[in-house]
Amino acid sequence: MKRNLKIRAATEEDADIISESIEDWLRWSFTREQSIRKAVKNKELFVADMEGRVEGFIHCVPHEDIIDGGLNFFITCFYVSPERRAEGVGSALLDAVVRDAVDRGALGVETSTANPDARRLYERHGFK
């Protein structure tokens, strides 16, 4: 992993680049900026910052789980720029969001994916 990588809570200033990344990633022609700003306000969004440039982000929302009987978090969006994949950026983002969820009293962190690379990353971090 790069030494100059910093995982931090997203700020209002990050909203534009996150929105642009989502548009490029999913080939959408519309913005998600309002939703991104809400996630920033709710402290649900983390970014991977390398020398002032956002190279990835992860969004995780809290929810009350009736099966576990308590607070859980669900990862809804997880992106690492293609140039930074396989450099530990995704692992650092995932570790940060899991730590944050546990610090906030979560019983667990959940997600789902159809992407085989993402699935391997999650499994390396103990997801089933």
C-alpha atoms as a PDB file:
ATOM      1  CA  MET A   1       0.000   0.000   0.000  1.00  0.00           C
ATOM      2  CA  LYS A   2       1.178   3.503  -0.737  1.00  0.00           C
ATOM      3  CA  ARG A   3       2.511   5.374   2.299  1.00  0.00           C
ATOM      4  CA  ASN A   4       0.730   8.577   1.345  1.00  0.00           C
ATOM      5  CA  LEU A   5      -2.713   6.943   1.479  1.00  0.00           C
ATOM      6  CA  LYS A   6      -5.070   8.465   4.005  1.00  0.00           C
ATOM      7  CA  ILE A   7      -8.566   7.147   4.686  1.00  0.00           C
ATOM      8  CA  ARG A   8     -10.831   9.891   5.969  1.00  0.00           C
ATOM      9  CA  ALA A   9     -14.450  10.850   6.270  1.00  0.00           C
ATOM     10  CA  ALA A  10     -15.705  12.416   3.069  1.00  0.00           C
ATOM     11  CA  THR A  11     -16.316  16.160   3.036  1.00  0.00           C
ATOM     12  CA  GLU A  12     -18.544  18.451   0.989  1.00  0.00           C
ATOM     13  CA  GLU A  13     -15.507  19.187  -1.188  1.00  0.00           C
ATOM     14  CA  ASP A  14     -15.337  15.505  -2.198  1.00  0.00           C
ATOM     15  CA  ALA A  15     -18.913  15.345  -3.506  1.00  0.00           C
ATOM     16  CA  ASP A  16     -18.117  16.455  -7.064  1.00  0.00           C
ATOM     17  CA  ILE A  17     -15.291  13.956  -7.620  1.00  0.00           C
ATOM     18  CA  ILE A  18     -17.308  11.116  -6.089  1.00  0.00           C
ATOM     19  CA  SER A  19     -20.262  11.967  -8.323  1.00  0.00           C
ATOM     20  CA  GLU A  20     -17.988  12.097 -11.401  1.00  0.00           C
ATOM     21  CA  SER A  21     -16.411   8.755 -10.451  1.00  0.00           C
ATOM     22  CA  ILE A  22     -19.834   7.115 -10.151  1.00  0.00           C
ATOM     23  CA  GLU A  23     -20.896   8.566 -13.514  1.00  0.00           C
ATOM     24  CA  ASP A  24     -17.726   7.210 -15.192  1.00  0.00           C
ATOM     25  CA  TRP A  25     -17.835   3.859 -13.377  1.00  0.00           C
ATOM     26  CA  LEU A  26     -21.485   3.125 -14.139  1.00  0.00           C
ATOM     27  CA  ARG A  27     -21.636   5.101 -17.392  1.00  0.00           C
ATOM     28  CA  TRP A  28     -24.498   7.228 -16.094  1.00  0.00           C
ATOM     29  CA  SER A  29     -25.306  10.640 -17.471  1.00  0.00           C
ATOM     30  CA  PHE A  30     -26.904  11.999 -14.310  1.00  0.00           C
ATOM     31  CA  THR A  31     -25.463  13.116 -11.001  1.00  0.00           C
ATOM     32  CA  ARG A  32     -25.911  11.669  -7.540  1.00  0.00           C
ATOM     33  CA  GLU A  33     -24.551  14.768  -5.851  1.00  0.00           C
ATOM     34  CA  GLN A  34     -27.582  15.334  -3.587  1.00  0.00           C
ATOM     35  CA  SER A  35     -27.384  11.770  -2.251  1.00  0.00           C
ATOM     36  CA  ILE A  36     -23.623  12.067  -1.834  1.00  0.00           C
ATOM     37  CA  ARG A  37     -23.963  15.287   0.165  1.00  0.00           C
ATOM     38  CA  LYS A  38     -26.558  13.600   2.404  1.00  0.00           C
ATOM     39  CA  ALA A  39     -24.157  10.675   2.987  1.00  0.00           C
ATOM     40  CA  VAL A  40     -21.385  13.155   3.876  1.00  0.00           C
ATOM     41  CA  LYS A  41     -23.684  14.903   6.355  1.00  0.00           C
ATOM     42  CA  ASN A  42     -24.666  11.548   7.903  1.00  0.00           C
ATOM     43  CA  LYS A  43     -20.999  10.460   8.164  1.00  0.00           C
ATOM     44  CA  GLU A  44     -21.658   7.382   5.989  1.00  0.00           C
ATOM     45  CA  LEU A  45     -18.996   7.977   3.349  1.00  0.00           C
ATOM     46  CA  PHE A  46     -15.222   7.471   3.510  1.00  0.00           C
ATOM     47  CA  VAL A  47     -12.641   8.342   0.869  1.00  0.00           C
ATOM     48  CA  ALA A  48      -9.145   7.129   0.030  1.00  0.00           C
ATOM     49  CA  ASP A  49      -7.095  10.299  -0.328  1.00  0.00           C
ATOM     50  CA  MET A  50      -3.683  10.104  -1.982  1.00  0.00           C
ATOM     51  CA  GLU A  51      -1.866  13.424  -2.045  1.00  0.00           C
ATOM     52  CA  GLY A  52      -5.147  15.348  -2.146  1.00  0.00           C
ATOM     53  CA  ARG A  53      -6.729  13.188  -4.835  1.00  0.00           C
ATOM     54  CA  VAL A  54      -9.705  10.929  -4.109  1.00  0.00           C
ATOM     55  CA  GLU A  55      -8.750   7.467  -5.411  1.00  0.00           C
ATOM     56  CA  GLY A  56     -11.684   5.534  -3.966  1.00  0.00           C
ATOM     57  CA  PHE A  57     -14.663   5.674  -1.665  1.00  0.00           C
ATOM     58  CA  ILE A  58     -16.991   3.462   0.340  1.00  0.00           C
ATOM     59  CA  HIS A  59     -20.541   4.132   1.522  1.00  0.00           C
ATOM     60  CA  CYS A  60     -22.049   2.254   4.456  1.00  0.00           C
ATOM     61  CA  VAL A  61     -25.483   2.873   5.982  1.00  0.00           C
ATOM     62  CA  PRO A  62     -26.727   1.892   9.422  1.00  0.00           C
ATOM     63  CA  HIS A  63     -29.916  -0.115   9.804  1.00  0.00           C
ATOM     64  CA  GLU A  64     -31.708  -1.979  12.552  1.00  0.00           C
ATOM     65  CA  ASP A  65     -31.531  -5.705  11.797  1.00  0.00           C
ATOM     66  CA  ILE A  66     -34.504  -7.748  13.033  1.00  0.00           C
ATOM     67  CA  ILE A  67     -32.558 -11.017  12.749  1.00  0.00           C
ATOM     68  CA  ASP A  68     -29.532  -9.859  14.758  1.00  0.00           C
ATOM     69  CA  GLY A  69     -31.722  -7.711  16.987  1.00  0.00           C
ATOM     70  CA  GLY A  70     -29.544  -4.639  16.744  1.00  0.00           C
ATOM     71  CA  LEU A  71     -27.604  -2.165  14.695  1.00  0.00           C
ATOM     72  CA  ASN A  72     -25.911  -3.390  11.522  1.00  0.00           C
ATOM     73  CA  PHE A  73     -24.285  -1.533   8.644  1.00  0.00           C
ATOM     74  CA  PHE A  74     -24.664  -2.257   4.941  1.00  0.00           C
ATOM     75  CA  ILE A  75     -22.053  -1.337   2.328  1.00  0.00           C
ATOM     76  CA  THR A  76     -24.004   0.114  -0.588  1.00  0.00           C
ATOM     77  CA  CYS A  77     -21.211   1.454  -2.796  1.00  0.00           C
ATOM     78  CA  PHE A  78     -17.493   0.658  -2.941  1.00  0.00           C
ATOM     79  CA  TYR A  79     -15.170   2.029  -5.628  1.00  0.00           C
ATOM     80  CA  VAL A  80     -11.409   2.167  -6.166  1.00  0.00           C
ATOM     81  CA  SER A  81      -9.994   3.909  -9.231  1.00  0.00           C
ATOM     82  CA  PRO A  82      -8.612   1.402 -11.766  1.00  0.00           C
ATOM     83  CA  GLU A  83      -5.081   2.827 -11.368  1.00  0.00           C
ATOM     84  CA  ARG A  84      -5.108   2.062  -7.613  1.00  0.00           C
ATOM     85  CA  ARG A  85      -6.565  -1.441  -7.597  1.00  0.00           C
ATOM     86  CA  ALA A  86      -4.417  -4.209  -6.093  1.00  0.00           C
ATOM     87  CA  GLU A  87      -2.452  -1.605  -4.094  1.00  0.00           C
ATOM     88  CA  GLY A  88      -4.265  -2.027  -0.764  1.00  0.00           C
ATOM     89  CA  VAL A  89      -6.604   0.936  -1.236  1.00  0.00           C
ATOM     90  CA  GLY A  90      -9.738  -1.228  -1.148  1.00  0.00           C
ATOM     91  CA  SER A  91      -8.521  -3.088   1.938  1.00  0.00           C
ATOM     92  CA  ALA A  92      -7.807   0.186   3.723  1.00  0.00           C
ATOM     93  CA  LEU A  93     -11.274   1.543   2.887  1.00  0.00           C
ATOM     94  CA  LEU A  94     -12.966  -1.679   3.972  1.00  0.00           C
ATOM     95  CA  ASP A  95     -10.996  -1.812   7.239  1.00  0.00           C
ATOM     96  CA  ALA A  96     -11.906   1.812   7.991  1.00  0.00           C
ATOM     97  CA  VAL A  97     -15.623   1.328   7.442  1.00  0.00           C
ATOM     98  CA  VAL A  98     -15.701  -1.854   9.551  1.00  0.00           C
ATOM     99  CA  ARG A  99     -13.833  -0.093  12.393  1.00  0.00           C
ATOM    100  CA  ASP A 100     -16.235   2.855  12.186  1.00  0.00           C
ATOM    101  CA  ALA A 101     -19.275   0.556  12.285  1.00  0.00           C
ATOM    102  CA  VAL A 102     -17.942  -1.314  15.323  1.00  0.00           C
ATOM    103  CA  ASP A 103     -17.086   1.992  17.046  1.00  0.00           C
ATOM    104  CA  ARG A 104     -20.684   3.073  16.468  1.00  0.00           C
ATOM    105  CA  GLY A 105     -22.015  -0.095  18.119  1.00  0.00           C
ATOM    106  CA  ALA A 106     -22.761  -2.284  15.106  1.00  0.00           C
ATOM    107  CA  LEU A 107     -23.233  -6.006  15.544  1.00  0.00           C
ATOM    108  CA  GLY A 108     -22.139  -6.608  11.953  1.00  0.00           C
ATOM    109  CA  VAL A 109     -21.345  -5.208   8.523  1.00  0.00           C
ATOM    110  CA  GLU A 110     -23.053  -6.664   5.459  1.00  0.00           C
ATOM    111  CA  THR A 111     -22.897  -6.322   1.702  1.00  0.00           C
ATOM    112  CA  SER A 112     -23.588  -8.182  -1.499  1.00  0.00           C
ATOM    113  CA  THR A 113     -21.820  -8.231  -4.840  1.00  0.00           C
ATOM    114  CA  ALA A 114     -21.836 -10.000  -8.167  1.00  0.00           C
ATOM    115  CA  ASN A 115     -18.270  -8.878  -8.926  1.00  0.00           C
ATOM    116  CA  PRO A 116     -15.803 -11.770  -8.404  1.00  0.00           C
ATOM    117  CA  ASP A 117     -12.866  -9.464  -7.572  1.00  0.00           C
ATOM    118  CA  ALA A 118     -14.922  -7.635  -4.958  1.00  0.00           C
ATOM    119  CA  ARG A 119     -16.130 -10.950  -3.573  1.00  0.00           C
ATOM    120  CA  ARG A 120     -12.524 -12.135  -3.081  1.00  0.00           C
ATOM    121  CA  LEU A 121     -11.660  -8.869  -1.307  1.00  0.00           C
ATOM    122  CA  TYR A 122     -14.623  -9.230   1.044  1.00  0.00           C
ATOM    123  CA  GLU A 123     -13.767 -12.869   1.756  1.00  0.00           C
ATOM    124  CA  ARG A 124     -10.150 -11.936   2.580  1.00  0.00           C
ATOM    125  CA  HIS A 125     -11.611  -9.606   5.200  1.00  0.00           C
ATOM    126  CA  GLY A 126     -13.828 -12.268   6.783  1.00  0.00           C
ATOM    127  CA  PHE A 127     -17.095 -11.620   4.937  1.00  0.00           C
ATOM    128  CA  LYS A 128     -19.152 -14.678   3.981  1.00  0.00           C
END
